Amino acid sequence: MKTIILVEDEKMVREGLRDVLEREGFSVYEAQDGLEAMQLLTTVKPDLLVTDIIMPDSDGFELLFSLKDSGHTFPVLVMSGGGRIGSNDYLKMVQVIGYKQVLHKPFSISEFLEKVNEMIA
């Protein structure tokens, strides 16, 4: 069974995505921000990490820079619905620092699963 860490501050979104992933047969660990995700990574070795960008406390950028510093080897899918500057700008910034797999919110469940399955294969 493939393992995914899902990092999303919006509880309803996180739980909905978790349910979809679990129905597809994935083992899912949840974190509500980058700090929780980094704590999970001390014990969980995921096949994929899916993260939002804009989150309170420790945001997606902090998480992504921590991952870069730690030399992670698993793929990362970054999603964003924007914020003050818009999702396209955040996702472009993420790509500049080396994370090429992105999803613009809102996205369909089929788009999400297609991207996850492509990355986790």
C-alpha atoms as a PDB file:
ATOM      1  CA  MET A   1       0.000   0.000   0.000  1.00  0.00           C
ATOM      2  CA  LYS A   2       1.382   3.397  -1.010  1.00  0.00           C
ATOM      3  CA  THR A   3       1.593   6.095   1.667  1.00  0.00           C
ATOM      4  CA  ILE A   4       0.688   9.759   1.215  1.00  0.00           C
ATOM      5  CA  ILE A   5       1.139  12.680   3.595  1.00  0.00           C
ATOM      6  CA  LEU A   6      -1.578  15.261   2.969  1.00  0.00           C
ATOM      7  CA  VAL A   7      -0.902  18.788   4.259  1.00  0.00           C
ATOM      8  CA  GLU A   8      -3.931  21.108   4.163  1.00  0.00           C
ATOM      9  CA  ASP A   9      -5.167  23.587   6.757  1.00  0.00           C
ATOM     10  CA  GLU A  10      -8.818  23.561   5.695  1.00  0.00           C
ATOM     11  CA  LYS A  11     -10.298  20.623   7.591  1.00  0.00           C
ATOM     12  CA  MET A  12     -13.147  19.900   5.161  1.00  0.00           C
ATOM     13  CA  VAL A  13     -10.813  19.947   2.147  1.00  0.00           C
ATOM     14  CA  ARG A  14      -8.250  17.774   3.937  1.00  0.00           C
ATOM     15  CA  GLU A  15     -10.845  15.223   5.038  1.00  0.00           C
ATOM     16  CA  GLY A  16     -12.457  15.137   1.590  1.00  0.00           C
ATOM     17  CA  LEU A  17      -9.140  14.528  -0.149  1.00  0.00           C
ATOM     18  CA  ARG A  18      -8.193  11.927   2.468  1.00  0.00           C
ATOM     19  CA  ASP A  19     -11.455  10.043   1.839  1.00  0.00           C
ATOM     20  CA  VAL A  20     -10.880  10.087  -1.920  1.00  0.00           C
ATOM     21  CA  LEU A  21      -7.313   8.814  -1.520  1.00  0.00           C
ATOM     22  CA  GLU A  22      -8.301   6.100   0.937  1.00  0.00           C
ATOM     23  CA  ARG A  23     -11.029   4.864  -1.429  1.00  0.00           C
ATOM     24  CA  GLU A  24      -8.289   4.513  -4.044  1.00  0.00           C
ATOM     25  CA  GLY A  25      -6.338   2.283  -1.665  1.00  0.00           C
ATOM     26  CA  PHE A  26      -3.743   4.720  -0.324  1.00  0.00           C
ATOM     27  CA  SER A  27      -2.664   4.980   3.293  1.00  0.00           C
ATOM     28  CA  VAL A  28      -3.039   8.672   4.223  1.00  0.00           C
ATOM     29  CA  TYR A  29      -1.488  10.672   7.037  1.00  0.00           C
ATOM     30  CA  GLU A  30      -2.835  14.181   7.618  1.00  0.00           C
ATOM     31  CA  ALA A  31      -1.168  17.390   8.744  1.00  0.00           C
ATOM     32  CA  GLN A  32      -2.788  20.796   9.098  1.00  0.00           C
ATOM     33  CA  ASP A  33       0.421  22.759   8.460  1.00  0.00           C
ATOM     34  CA  GLY A  34       4.074  22.436   7.567  1.00  0.00           C
ATOM     35  CA  LEU A  35       5.189  21.958  11.163  1.00  0.00           C
ATOM     36  CA  GLU A  36       2.896  18.949  11.646  1.00  0.00           C
ATOM     37  CA  ALA A  37       4.101  17.552   8.331  1.00  0.00           C
ATOM     38  CA  MET A  38       7.752  17.822   9.375  1.00  0.00           C
ATOM     39  CA  GLN A  39       6.910  16.050  12.632  1.00  0.00           C
ATOM     40  CA  LEU A  40       5.180  13.259  10.681  1.00  0.00           C
ATOM     41  CA  LEU A  41       8.225  12.902   8.457  1.00  0.00           C
ATOM     42  CA  THR A  42      10.294  11.824  11.449  1.00  0.00           C
ATOM     43  CA  THR A  43       8.318   8.557  11.549  1.00  0.00           C
ATOM     44  CA  VAL A  44       6.518   8.249   8.196  1.00  0.00           C
ATOM     45  CA  LYS A  45       8.335   7.744   4.907  1.00  0.00           C
ATOM     46  CA  PRO A  46       5.748   8.666   2.258  1.00  0.00           C
ATOM     47  CA  ASP A  47       5.601   7.672  -1.383  1.00  0.00           C
ATOM     48  CA  LEU A  48       4.127  11.140  -2.040  1.00  0.00           C
ATOM     49  CA  LEU A  49       3.575  14.355  -0.117  1.00  0.00           C
ATOM     50  CA  VAL A  50       0.690  16.623  -1.154  1.00  0.00           C
ATOM     51  CA  THR A  51       0.727  20.126   0.289  1.00  0.00           C
ATOM     52  CA  ASP A  52      -1.143  23.389   0.169  1.00  0.00           C
ATOM     53  CA  ILE A  53       0.853  26.624   0.166  1.00  0.00           C
ATOM     54  CA  ILE A  54      -1.125  29.152   2.178  1.00  0.00           C
ATOM     55  CA  MET A  55      -1.543  27.866   5.742  1.00  0.00           C
ATOM     56  CA  PRO A  56      -1.328  29.508   9.152  1.00  0.00           C
ATOM     57  CA  ASP A  57       1.656  28.936  11.420  1.00  0.00           C
ATOM     58  CA  SER A  58       4.054  27.022   9.160  1.00  0.00           C
ATOM     59  CA  ASP A  59       3.093  27.452   5.503  1.00  0.00           C
ATOM     60  CA  GLY A  60       3.869  25.402   2.424  1.00  0.00           C
ATOM     61  CA  PHE A  61       6.934  27.450   1.499  1.00  0.00           C
ATOM     62  CA  GLU A  62       8.537  26.730   4.873  1.00  0.00           C
ATOM     63  CA  LEU A  63       7.749  23.049   4.404  1.00  0.00           C
ATOM     64  CA  LEU A  64       9.173  22.987   0.875  1.00  0.00           C
ATOM     65  CA  PHE A  65      12.410  24.682   1.953  1.00  0.00           C
ATOM     66  CA  SER A  66      12.722  22.237   4.874  1.00  0.00           C
ATOM     67  CA  LEU A  67      12.231  19.341   2.469  1.00  0.00           C
ATOM     68  CA  LYS A  68      14.930  20.733   0.164  1.00  0.00           C
ATOM     69  CA  ASP A  69      17.315  21.077   3.119  1.00  0.00           C
ATOM     70  CA  SER A  70      16.645  17.501   4.249  1.00  0.00           C
ATOM     71  CA  GLY A  71      17.295  16.018   0.791  1.00  0.00           C
ATOM     72  CA  HIS A  72      13.978  14.178   0.555  1.00  0.00           C
ATOM     73  CA  THR A  73      13.590  11.576  -2.181  1.00  0.00           C
ATOM     74  CA  PHE A  74       9.796  11.335  -2.473  1.00  0.00           C
ATOM     75  CA  PRO A  75       7.727  13.322  -4.992  1.00  0.00           C
ATOM     76  CA  VAL A  76       5.812  16.411  -3.875  1.00  0.00           C
ATOM     77  CA  LEU A  77       2.545  17.731  -5.308  1.00  0.00           C
ATOM     78  CA  VAL A  78       1.849  21.387  -4.479  1.00  0.00           C
ATOM     79  CA  MET A  79      -1.647  22.851  -4.636  1.00  0.00           C
ATOM     80  CA  SER A  80      -2.881  26.387  -4.146  1.00  0.00           C
ATOM     81  CA  GLY A  81      -6.039  28.382  -4.480  1.00  0.00           C
ATOM     82  CA  GLY A  82      -4.191  31.618  -4.107  1.00  0.00           C
ATOM     83  CA  GLY A  83      -4.241  34.225  -1.471  1.00  0.00           C
ATOM     84  CA  ARG A  84      -3.098  37.790  -1.672  1.00  0.00           C
ATOM     85  CA  ILE A  85      -1.235  37.377  -4.951  1.00  0.00           C
ATOM     86  CA  GLY A  86      -3.184  34.550  -6.618  1.00  0.00           C
ATOM     87  CA  SER A  87      -2.557  30.843  -7.100  1.00  0.00           C
ATOM     88  CA  ASN A  88      -0.692  31.221 -10.396  1.00  0.00           C
ATOM     89  CA  ASP A  89       1.935  33.439  -8.767  1.00  0.00           C
ATOM     90  CA  TYR A  90       2.417  31.131  -5.766  1.00  0.00           C
ATOM     91  CA  LEU A  91       2.649  28.070  -7.970  1.00  0.00           C
ATOM     92  CA  LYS A  92       5.160  29.792 -10.267  1.00  0.00           C
ATOM     93  CA  MET A  93       7.301  30.591  -7.228  1.00  0.00           C
ATOM     94  CA  VAL A  94       7.103  26.941  -6.144  1.00  0.00           C
ATOM     95  CA  GLN A  95       8.257  25.814  -9.579  1.00  0.00           C
ATOM     96  CA  VAL A  96      11.211  28.209  -9.465  1.00  0.00           C
ATOM     97  CA  ILE A  97      12.460  26.553  -6.256  1.00  0.00           C
ATOM     98  CA  GLY A  98      12.250  23.140  -7.909  1.00  0.00           C
ATOM     99  CA  TYR A  99       8.772  21.720  -7.332  1.00  0.00           C
ATOM    100  CA  LYS A 100       7.312  21.231 -10.801  1.00  0.00           C
ATOM    101  CA  GLN A 101       4.131  19.251  -9.991  1.00  0.00           C
ATOM    102  CA  VAL A 102       1.347  21.703  -9.141  1.00  0.00           C
ATOM    103  CA  LEU A 103      -2.438  21.864  -9.064  1.00  0.00           C
ATOM    104  CA  HIS A 104      -4.512  25.029  -9.153  1.00  0.00           C
ATOM    105  CA  LYS A 105      -7.484  25.053  -6.780  1.00  0.00           C
ATOM    106  CA  PRO A 106     -10.251  24.441  -7.429  1.00  0.00           C
ATOM    107  CA  PHE A 107      -9.551  21.190  -9.242  1.00  0.00           C
ATOM    108  CA  SER A 108     -11.729  18.201  -9.962  1.00  0.00           C
ATOM    109  CA  ILE A 109     -11.328  14.911  -8.123  1.00  0.00           C
ATOM    110  CA  SER A 110     -10.406  13.252 -11.413  1.00  0.00           C
ATOM    111  CA  GLU A 111      -7.633  15.837 -12.014  1.00  0.00           C
ATOM    112  CA  PHE A 112      -6.348  15.289  -8.490  1.00  0.00           C
ATOM    113  CA  LEU A 113      -6.333  11.489  -8.757  1.00  0.00           C
ATOM    114  CA  GLU A 114      -4.760  11.572 -12.198  1.00  0.00           C
ATOM    115  CA  LYS A 115      -1.886  13.706 -10.886  1.00  0.00           C
ATOM    116  CA  VAL A 116      -1.452  11.578  -7.738  1.00  0.00           C
ATOM    117  CA  ASN A 117      -1.434   8.309  -9.681  1.00  0.00           C
ATOM    118  CA  GLU A 118       1.006   9.739 -12.235  1.00  0.00           C
ATOM    119  CA  MET A 119       3.396  10.817  -9.489  1.00  0.00           C
ATOM    120  CA  ILE A 120       3.166   7.749  -7.285  1.00  0.00           C
ATOM    121  CA  ALA A 121       3.526   5.098  -9.994  1.00  0.00           C
END
